[in-house]
PDB file of N, CA and C in Angstrom:
ATOM      1  N   MET A   1       5.952   9.222  49.720  1.00  0.00           N
ATOM      2  CA  MET A   1       4.518   9.427  49.743  1.00  0.00           C
ATOM      3  C   MET A   1       3.897   8.359  50.643  1.00  0.00           C
ATOM      4  N   ALA A   2       3.193   8.771  51.622  1.00  0.00           N
ATOM      5  CA  ALA A   2       2.591   7.856  52.596  1.00  0.00           C
ATOM      6  C   ALA A   2       1.290   7.309  52.033  1.00  0.00           C
ATOM      7  N   ARG A   3       1.058   6.021  52.278  1.00  0.00           N
ATOM      8  CA  ARG A   3      -0.181   5.376  51.832  1.00  0.00           C
ATOM      9  C   ARG A   3      -1.131   5.269  53.015  1.00  0.00           C
ATOM     10  N   LEU A   4      -2.366   5.452  52.746  1.00  0.00           N
ATOM     11  CA  LEU A   4      -3.382   5.291  53.771  1.00  0.00           C
ATOM     12  C   LEU A   4      -3.744   3.828  53.904  1.00  0.00           C
ATOM     13  N   VAL A   5      -4.001   3.386  55.114  1.00  0.00           N
ATOM     14  CA  VAL A   5      -4.377   2.002  55.358  1.00  0.00           C
ATOM     15  C   VAL A   5      -5.732   1.764  54.711  1.00  0.00           C
ATOM     16  N   GLY A   6      -5.815   0.696  53.918  1.00  0.00           N
ATOM     17  CA  GLY A   6      -7.068   0.351  53.261  1.00  0.00           C
ATOM     18  C   GLY A   6      -7.311   1.121  51.982  1.00  0.00           C
ATOM     19  N   PHE A   7      -6.394   1.996  51.616  1.00  0.00           N
ATOM     20  CA  PHE A   7      -6.552   2.790  50.407  1.00  0.00           C
ATOM     21  C   PHE A   7      -6.109   1.975  49.198  1.00  0.00           C
ATOM     22  N   LYS A   8      -6.922   1.940  48.155  1.00  0.00           N
ATOM     23  CA  LYS A   8      -6.590   1.256  46.922  1.00  0.00           C
ATOM     24  C   LYS A   8      -6.364   2.311  45.845  1.00  0.00           C
ATOM     25  N   PRO A   9      -5.212   2.252  45.177  1.00  0.00           N
ATOM     26  CA  PRO A   9      -4.987   3.220  44.108  1.00  0.00           C
ATOM     27  C   PRO A   9      -5.955   2.970  42.961  1.00  0.00           C
ATOM     28  N   PRO A  10      -6.209   3.969  42.170  1.00  0.00           N
ATOM     29  CA  PRO A  10      -7.114   3.772  41.024  1.00  0.00           C
ATOM     30  C   PRO A  10      -6.578   2.693  40.087  1.00  0.00           C
ATOM     31  N   LYS A  11      -7.493   2.005  39.418  1.00  0.00           N
ATOM     32  CA  LYS A  11      -7.120   0.897  38.534  1.00  0.00           C
ATOM     33  C   LYS A  11      -6.153   1.353  37.445  1.00  0.00           C
ATOM     34  N   GLY A  12      -6.329   2.532  36.921  1.00  0.00           N
ATOM     35  CA  GLY A  12      -5.453   3.066  35.882  1.00  0.00           C
ATOM     36  C   GLY A  12      -4.022   3.222  36.378  1.00  0.00           C
ATOM     37  N   GLU A  13      -3.858   3.597  37.651  1.00  0.00           N
ATOM     38  CA  GLU A  13      -2.518   3.764  38.211  1.00  0.00           C
ATOM     39  C   GLU A  13      -1.812   2.411  38.324  1.00  0.00           C
ATOM     40  N   ILE A  14      -2.542   1.373  38.698  1.00  0.00           N
ATOM     41  CA  ILE A  14      -1.978   0.025  38.816  1.00  0.00           C
ATOM     42  C   ILE A  14      -1.536  -0.470  37.432  1.00  0.00           C
ATOM     43  N   ILE A  15      -2.387  -0.280  36.453  1.00  0.00           N
ATOM     44  CA  ILE A  15      -2.064  -0.718  35.089  1.00  0.00           C
ATOM     45  C   ILE A  15      -0.850   0.041  34.570  1.00  0.00           C
ATOM     46  N   MET A  16      -0.787   1.336  34.845  1.00  0.00           N
ATOM     47  CA  MET A  16       0.330   2.154  34.381  1.00  0.00           C
ATOM     48  C   MET A  16       1.645   1.701  35.025  1.00  0.00           C
ATOM     49  N   LYS A  17       1.612   1.362  36.320  1.00  0.00           N
ATOM     50  CA  LYS A  17       2.820   0.886  36.989  1.00  0.00           C
ATOM     51  C   LYS A  17       3.282  -0.443  36.401  1.00  0.00           C
ATOM     52  N   LYS A  18       2.333  -1.344  36.112  1.00  0.00           N
ATOM     53  CA  LYS A  18       2.678  -2.625  35.497  1.00  0.00           C
ATOM     54  C   LYS A  18       3.274  -2.407  34.107  1.00  0.00           C
ATOM     55  N   LEU A  19       2.689  -1.486  33.359  1.00  0.00           N
ATOM     56  CA  LEU A  19       3.180  -1.176  32.026  1.00  0.00           C
ATOM     57  C   LEU A  19       4.596  -0.603  32.081  1.00  0.00           C
ATOM     58  N   MET A  20       4.838   0.292  33.024  1.00  0.00           N
ATOM     59  CA  MET A  20       6.172   0.886  33.178  1.00  0.00           C
ATOM     60  C   MET A  20       7.197  -0.181  33.585  1.00  0.00           C
ATOM     61  N   THR A  21       6.804  -1.104  34.466  1.00  0.00           N
ATOM     62  CA  THR A  21       7.694  -2.183  34.894  1.00  0.00           C
ATOM     63  C   THR A  21       8.038  -3.081  33.714  1.00  0.00           C
ATOM     64  N   MET A  22       7.047  -3.442  32.917  1.00  0.00           N
ATOM     65  CA  MET A  22       7.289  -4.283  31.748  1.00  0.00           C
ATOM     66  C   MET A  22       8.178  -3.559  30.737  1.00  0.00           C
ATOM     67  N   THR A  23       7.971  -2.262  30.569  1.00  0.00           N
ATOM     68  CA  THR A  23       8.780  -1.481  29.639  1.00  0.00           C
ATOM     69  C   THR A  23      10.238  -1.449  30.081  1.00  0.00           C
ATOM     70  N   ARG A  24      10.481  -1.259  31.371  1.00  0.00           N
ATOM     71  CA  ARG A  24      11.855  -1.259  31.893  1.00  0.00           C
ATOM     72  C   ARG A  24      12.514  -2.625  31.698  1.00  0.00           C
ATOM     73  N   GLN A  25      11.773  -3.690  31.969  1.00  0.00           N
ATOM     74  CA  GLN A  25      12.316  -5.032  31.794  1.00  0.00           C
ATOM     75  C   GLN A  25      12.662  -5.292  30.328  1.00  0.00           C
ATOM     76  N   PHE A  26      11.791  -4.864  29.423  1.00  0.00           N
ATOM     77  CA  PHE A  26      12.034  -5.044  27.997  1.00  0.00           C
ATOM     78  C   PHE A  26      13.261  -4.251  27.552  1.00  0.00           C
ATOM     79  N   ARG A  27      13.402  -3.028  28.042  1.00  0.00           N
ATOM     80  CA  ARG A  27      14.539  -2.176  27.704  1.00  0.00           C
ATOM     81  C   ARG A  27      15.857  -2.782  28.194  1.00  0.00           C
ATOM     82  N   ASP A  28      15.846  -3.368  29.384  1.00  0.00           N
ATOM     83  CA  ASP A  28      17.070  -3.905  29.976  1.00  0.00           C
ATOM     84  C   ASP A  28      17.426  -5.307  29.482  1.00  0.00           C
ATOM     85  N   ASP A  29      16.484  -5.974  28.820  1.00  0.00           N
ATOM     86  CA  ASP A  29      16.728  -7.334  28.337  1.00  0.00           C
ATOM     87  C   ASP A  29      17.555  -7.281  27.060  1.00  0.00           C
ATOM     88  N   GLU A  30      18.704  -7.964  27.044  1.00  0.00           N
ATOM     89  CA  GLU A  30      19.590  -7.950  25.885  1.00  0.00           C
ATOM     90  C   GLU A  30      19.436  -9.184  25.010  1.00  0.00           C
ATOM     91  N   ASN A  31      18.597 -10.124  25.378  1.00  0.00           N
ATOM     92  CA  ASN A  31      18.404 -11.325  24.574  1.00  0.00           C
ATOM     93  C   ASN A  31      17.794 -11.001  23.224  1.00  0.00           C
ATOM     94  N   GLY A  32      16.890 -10.050  23.186  1.00  0.00           N
ATOM     95  CA  GLY A  32      16.254  -9.658  21.932  1.00  0.00           C
ATOM     96  C   GLY A  32      17.250  -9.062  20.958  1.00  0.00           C
ATOM     97  N   ALA A  33      18.175  -8.253  21.455  1.00  0.00           N
ATOM     98  CA  ALA A  33      19.187  -7.640  20.591  1.00  0.00           C
ATOM     99  C   ALA A  33      20.092  -8.709  19.988  1.00  0.00           C
ATOM    100  N   ALA A  34      20.481  -9.689  20.771  1.00  0.00           N
ATOM    101  CA  ALA A  34      21.330 -10.769  20.262  1.00  0.00           C
ATOM    102  C   ALA A  34      20.582 -11.572  19.208  1.00  0.00           C
ATOM    103  N   MET A  35      19.294 -11.803  19.420  1.00  0.00           N
ATOM    104  CA  MET A  35      18.501 -12.551  18.456  1.00  0.00           C
ATOM    105  C   MET A  35      18.419 -11.797  17.129  1.00  0.00           C
ATOM    106  N   VAL A  36      18.258 -10.503  17.184  1.00  0.00           N
ATOM    107  CA  VAL A  36      18.203  -9.699  15.964  1.00  0.00           C
ATOM    108  C   VAL A  36      19.544  -9.765  15.234  1.00  0.00           C
ATOM    109  N   GLU A  37      20.640  -9.664  15.964  1.00  0.00           N
ATOM    110  CA  GLU A  37      21.968  -9.737  15.346  1.00  0.00           C
ATOM    111  C   GLU A  37      22.184 -11.084  14.671  1.00  0.00           C
ATOM    112  N   TYR A  38      21.819 -12.161  15.331  1.00  0.00           N
ATOM    113  CA  TYR A  38      21.979 -13.486  14.737  1.00  0.00           C
ATOM    114  C   TYR A  38      21.056 -13.660  13.533  1.00  0.00           C
ATOM    115  N   SER A  39      19.866 -13.096  13.582  1.00  0.00           N
ATOM    116  CA  SER A  39      18.946 -13.184  12.448  1.00  0.00           C
ATOM    117  C   SER A  39      19.508 -12.456  11.235  1.00  0.00           C
ATOM    118  N   ILE A  40      20.087 -11.290  11.441  1.00  0.00           N
ATOM    119  CA  ILE A  40      20.693 -10.545  10.337  1.00  0.00           C
ATOM    120  C   ILE A  40      21.869 -11.325   9.764  1.00  0.00           C
ATOM    121  N   LEU A  41      22.701 -11.885  10.625  1.00  0.00           N
ATOM    122  CA  LEU A  41      23.844 -12.679  10.178  1.00  0.00           C
ATOM    123  C   LEU A  41      23.381 -13.899   9.385  1.00  0.00           C
ATOM    124  N   LEU A  42      22.346 -14.562   9.860  1.00  0.00           N
ATOM    125  CA  LEU A  42      21.805 -15.725   9.160  1.00  0.00           C
ATOM    126  C   LEU A  42      21.265 -15.325   7.790  1.00  0.00           C
ATOM    127  N   GLY A  43      20.608 -14.170   7.711  1.00  0.00           N
ATOM    128  CA  GLY A  43      20.099 -13.682   6.430  1.00  0.00           C
ATOM    129  C   GLY A  43      21.216 -13.401   5.445  1.00  0.00           C
ATOM    130  N   ILE A  44      22.303 -12.785   5.913  1.00  0.00           N
ATOM    131  CA  ILE A  44      23.447 -12.493   5.045  1.00  0.00           C
ATOM    132  C   ILE A  44      24.069 -13.790   4.531  1.00  0.00           C
ATOM    133  N   ILE A  45      24.208 -14.769   5.406  1.00  0.00           N
ATOM    134  CA  ILE A  45      24.780 -16.059   4.999  1.00  0.00           C
ATOM    135  C   ILE A  45      23.871 -16.746   3.978  1.00  0.00           C
ATOM    136  N   ALA A  46      22.563 -16.703   4.193  1.00  0.00           N
ATOM    137  CA  ALA A  46      21.622 -17.334   3.267  1.00  0.00           C
ATOM    138  C   ALA A  46      21.703 -16.690   1.885  1.00  0.00           C
ATOM    139  N   VAL A  47      21.775 -15.365   1.833  1.00  0.00           N
ATOM    140  CA  VAL A  47      21.887 -14.668   0.549  1.00  0.00           C
ATOM    141  C   VAL A  47      23.195 -15.044  -0.144  1.00  0.00           C
ATOM    142  N   ALA A  48      24.282 -15.120   0.623  1.00  0.00           N
ATOM    143  CA  ALA A  48      25.573 -15.496   0.044  1.00  0.00           C
ATOM    144  C   ALA A  48      25.531 -16.913  -0.532  1.00  0.00           C
ATOM    145  N   VAL A  49      24.881 -17.830   0.161  1.00  0.00           N
ATOM    146  CA  VAL A  49      24.783 -19.207  -0.319  1.00  0.00           C
ATOM    147  C   VAL A  49      23.966 -19.268  -1.608  1.00  0.00           C
ATOM    148  N   VAL A  50      22.843 -18.559  -1.640  1.00  0.00           N
ATOM    149  CA  VAL A  50      21.994 -18.560  -2.839  1.00  0.00           C
ATOM    150  C   VAL A  50      22.760 -17.979  -4.031  1.00  0.00           C
ATOM    151  N   LEU A  51      23.446 -16.862  -3.824  1.00  0.00           N
ATOM    152  CA  LEU A  51      24.209 -16.251  -4.915  1.00  0.00           C
ATOM    153  C   LEU A  51      25.340 -17.168  -5.391  1.00  0.00           C
ATOM    154  N   THR A  52      25.974 -17.876  -4.463  1.00  0.00           N
ATOM    155  CA  THR A  52      27.035 -18.808  -4.839  1.00  0.00           C
ATOM    156  C   THR A  52      26.486 -19.961  -5.664  1.00  0.00           C
ATOM    157  N   VAL A  53      25.353 -20.504  -5.267  1.00  0.00           N
ATOM    158  CA  VAL A  53      24.745 -21.607  -6.017  1.00  0.00           C
ATOM    159  C   VAL A  53      24.342 -21.136  -7.414  1.00  0.00           C
ATOM    160  N   ILE A  54      23.791 -19.942  -7.532  1.00  0.00           N
ATOM    161  CA  ILE A  54      23.415 -19.409  -8.847  1.00  0.00           C
ATOM    162  C   ILE A  54      24.654 -19.207  -9.715  1.00  0.00           C
ATOM    163  N   ALA A  55      25.725 -18.676  -9.132  1.00  0.00           N
ATOM    164  CA  ALA A  55      26.956 -18.451  -9.894  1.00  0.00           C
ATOM    165  C   ALA A  55      27.569 -19.763 -10.366  1.00  0.00           C
ATOM    166  N   ILE A  56      27.619 -20.748  -9.499  1.00  0.00           N
ATOM    167  CA  ILE A  56      28.175 -22.052  -9.883  1.00  0.00           C
ATOM    168  C   ILE A  56      27.300 -22.704 -10.941  1.00  0.00           C
ATOM    169  N   GLY A  57      25.984 -22.568 -10.808  1.00  0.00           N
ATOM    170  CA  GLY A  57      25.070 -23.121 -11.816  1.00  0.00           C
ATOM    171  C   GLY A  57      25.298 -22.489 -13.182  1.00  0.00           C
ATOM    172  N   GLY A  58      25.502 -21.175 -13.211  1.00  0.00           N
ATOM    173  CA  GLY A  58      25.786 -20.497 -14.477  1.00  0.00           C
ATOM    174  C   GLY A  58      27.108 -20.946 -15.075  1.00  0.00           C
ATOM    175  N   TRP A  59      28.108 -21.121 -14.224  1.00  0.00           N
ATOM    176  CA  TRP A  59      29.417 -21.571 -14.696  1.00  0.00           C
ATOM    177  C   TRP A  59      29.321 -22.975 -15.280  1.00  0.00           C
ATOM    178  N   VAL A  60      28.625 -23.881 -14.588  1.00  0.00           N
ATOM    179  CA  VAL A  60      28.475 -25.263 -15.064  1.00  0.00           C
ATOM    180  C   VAL A  60      27.694 -25.282 -16.377  1.00  0.00           C
ATOM    181  N   THR A  61      26.663 -24.485 -16.480  1.00  0.00           N
ATOM    182  CA  THR A  61      25.876 -24.421 -17.708  1.00  0.00           C
ATOM    183  C   THR A  61      26.740 -23.946 -18.872  1.00  0.00           C
ATOM    184  N   GLY A  62      27.555 -22.935 -18.619  1.00  0.00           N
ATOM    185  CA  GLY A  62      28.455 -22.433 -19.660  1.00  0.00           C
ATOM    186  C   GLY A  62      29.469 -23.473 -20.096  1.00  0.00           C
ATOM    187  N   ARG A  63      30.024 -24.180 -19.142  1.00  0.00           N
ATOM    188  CA  ARG A  63      31.005 -25.225 -19.472  1.00  0.00           C
ATOM    189  C   ARG A  63      30.342 -26.356 -20.262  1.00  0.00           C
ATOM    190  N   PHE A  64      29.113 -26.717 -19.895  1.00  0.00           N
ATOM    191  CA  PHE A  64      28.410 -27.783 -20.612  1.00  0.00           C
ATOM    192  C   PHE A  64      28.083 -27.347 -22.037  1.00  0.00           C
ATOM    193  N   ALA A  65      27.664 -26.078 -22.191  1.00  0.00           N
ATOM    194  CA  ALA A  65      27.368 -25.563 -23.535  1.00  0.00           C
ATOM    195  C   ALA A  65      28.633 -25.552 -24.388  1.00  0.00           C
ATOM    196  N   GLY A  66      29.769 -25.167 -23.799  1.00  0.00           N
ATOM    197  CA  GLY A  66      31.030 -25.196 -24.538  1.00  0.00           C
ATOM    198  C   GLY A  66      31.419 -26.607 -24.930  1.00  0.00           C
ATOM    199  N   LEU A  67      31.198 -27.549 -24.054  1.00  0.00           N
ATOM    200  CA  LEU A  67      31.486 -28.947 -24.360  1.00  0.00           C
ATOM    201  C   LEU A  67      30.598 -29.438 -25.488  1.00  0.00           C
ATOM    202  N   CYS A  68      29.337 -29.079 -25.471  1.00  0.00           N
ATOM    203  CA  CYS A  68      28.408 -29.489 -26.535  1.00  0.00           C
ATOM    204  C   CYS A  68      28.819 -28.883 -27.869  1.00  0.00           C
ATOM    205  N   THR A  69      29.230 -27.621 -27.845  1.00  0.00           N
ATOM    206  CA  THR A  69      29.676 -26.972 -29.075  1.00  0.00           C
ATOM    207  C   THR A  69      30.906 -27.681 -29.628  1.00  0.00           C
ATOM    208  N   ALA A  70      31.842 -28.004 -28.760  1.00  0.00           N
ATOM    209  CA  ALA A  70      33.048 -28.708 -29.203  1.00  0.00           C
ATOM    210  C   ALA A  70      32.718 -30.101 -29.701  1.00  0.00           C
ATOM    211  N   LEU A  71      31.777 -30.772 -29.063  1.00  0.00           N
ATOM    212  CA  LEU A  71      31.403 -32.130 -29.456  1.00  0.00           C
ATOM    213  C   LEU A  71      30.670 -32.122 -30.793  1.00  0.00           C
ATOM    214  N   ASP A  72      29.860 -31.110 -31.026  1.00  0.00           N
ATOM    215  CA  ASP A  72      29.139 -31.015 -32.301  1.00  0.00           C
ATOM    216  C   ASP A  72      30.098 -30.767 -33.465  1.00  0.00           C
ATOM    217  N   GLY A  73      31.247 -30.177 -33.198  1.00  0.00           N
ATOM    218  CA  GLY A  73      32.216 -29.903 -34.257  1.00  0.00           C
ATOM    219  C   GLY A  73      33.057 -31.112 -34.641  1.00  0.00           C
ATOM    220  N   THR A  74      32.840 -32.213 -33.968  1.00  0.00           N
ATOM    221  CA  THR A  74      33.608 -33.433 -34.275  1.00  0.00           C
ATOM    222  C   THR A  74      32.669 -34.515 -34.786  1.00  0.00           C
ATOM    223  N   SER A  75      33.252 -35.595 -35.242  1.00  0.00           N
ATOM    224  CA  SER A  75      32.434 -36.729 -35.698  1.00  0.00           C
ATOM    225  C   SER A  75      32.221 -37.748 -34.585  1.00  0.00           C
ATOM    226  N   ILE A  76      32.607 -37.399 -33.361  1.00  0.00           N
ATOM    227  CA  ILE A  76      32.496 -38.337 -32.240  1.00  0.00           C
ATOM    228  C   ILE A  76      31.048 -38.497 -31.796  1.00  0.00           C
ATOM    229  N   GLY A  77      30.300 -37.424 -31.745  1.00  0.00           N
ATOM    230  CA  GLY A  77      28.921 -37.511 -31.301  1.00  0.00           C
ATOM    231  C   GLY A  77      28.235 -36.171 -31.412  1.00  0.00           C
ATOM    232  N   THR A  78      27.009 -36.127 -30.939  1.00  0.00           N
ATOM    233  CA  THR A  78      26.238 -34.887 -30.969  1.00  0.00           C
ATOM    234  C   THR A  78      25.758 -34.563 -29.566  1.00  0.00           C
ATOM    235  N   CYS A  79      25.399 -33.320 -29.410  1.00  0.00           N
ATOM    236  CA  CYS A  79      24.954 -32.876 -28.103  1.00  0.00           C
ATOM    237  C   CYS A  79      23.870 -31.828 -28.270  1.00  0.00           C
ATOM    238  N   ASN A  80      22.841 -31.905 -27.449  1.00  0.00           N
ATOM    239  CA  ASN A  80      21.807 -30.886 -27.429  1.00  0.00           C
ATOM    240  C   ASN A  80      21.896 -30.188 -26.078  1.00  0.00           C
ATOM    241  N   ALA A  81      22.500 -29.008 -26.059  1.00  0.00           N
ATOM    242  CA  ALA A  81      22.744 -28.301 -24.795  1.00  0.00           C
ATOM    243  C   ALA A  81      21.436 -27.896 -24.125  1.00  0.00           C
ATOM    244  N   ALA A  82      20.422 -27.522 -24.896  1.00  0.00           N
ATOM    245  CA  ALA A  82      19.152 -27.085 -24.327  1.00  0.00           C
ATOM    246  C   ALA A  82      18.451 -28.227 -23.602  1.00  0.00           C
ATOM    247  N   ALA A  83      18.497 -29.412 -24.201  1.00  0.00           N
ATOM    248  CA  ALA A  83      17.817 -30.562 -23.613  1.00  0.00           C
ATOM    249  C   ALA A  83      18.717 -31.300 -22.626  1.00  0.00           C
ATOM    250  N   GLY A  84      20.040 -31.077 -22.755  1.00  0.00           N
ATOM    251  CA  GLY A  84      20.968 -31.773 -21.863  1.00  0.00           C
ATOM    252  C   GLY A  84      21.175 -33.231 -22.261  1.00  0.00           C
ATOM    253  N   THR A  85      21.014 -33.504 -23.554  1.00  0.00           N
ATOM    254  CA  THR A  85      21.178 -34.873 -24.018  1.00  0.00           C
ATOM    255  C   THR A  85      22.311 -34.940 -25.034  1.00  0.00           C
ATOM    256  N   GLY A  86      22.826 -36.119 -25.227  1.00  0.00           N
ATOM    257  CA  GLY A  86      23.879 -36.318 -26.221  1.00  0.00           C
ATOM    258  C   GLY A  86      23.954 -37.765 -26.630  1.00  0.00           C
ATOM    259  N   SER A  87      24.729 -37.994 -27.684  1.00  0.00           N
ATOM    260  CA  SER A  87      24.908 -39.378 -28.150  1.00  0.00           C
ATOM    261  C   SER A  87      26.305 -39.568 -28.671  1.00  0.00           C
TER     262      SER A  87
END
């Protein structure tokens, strides 16, 4: 398509060409896809860490309660599992 000397395309056509160029650049850019993949991986790791800490906390609480129960059954001392104190 030949352009006329001194001819200016309509403003809407210029904006549309810029928009199409930006859209093509965004489509061809792979940095965003890698960032999304790493974000998902980071989220999975964070959930795994939280679940592990909760599981270990429950296990430790159970072991402490069992120790308190065993200690209360002896004349060695007493234990209050709810308060976390003993003598």
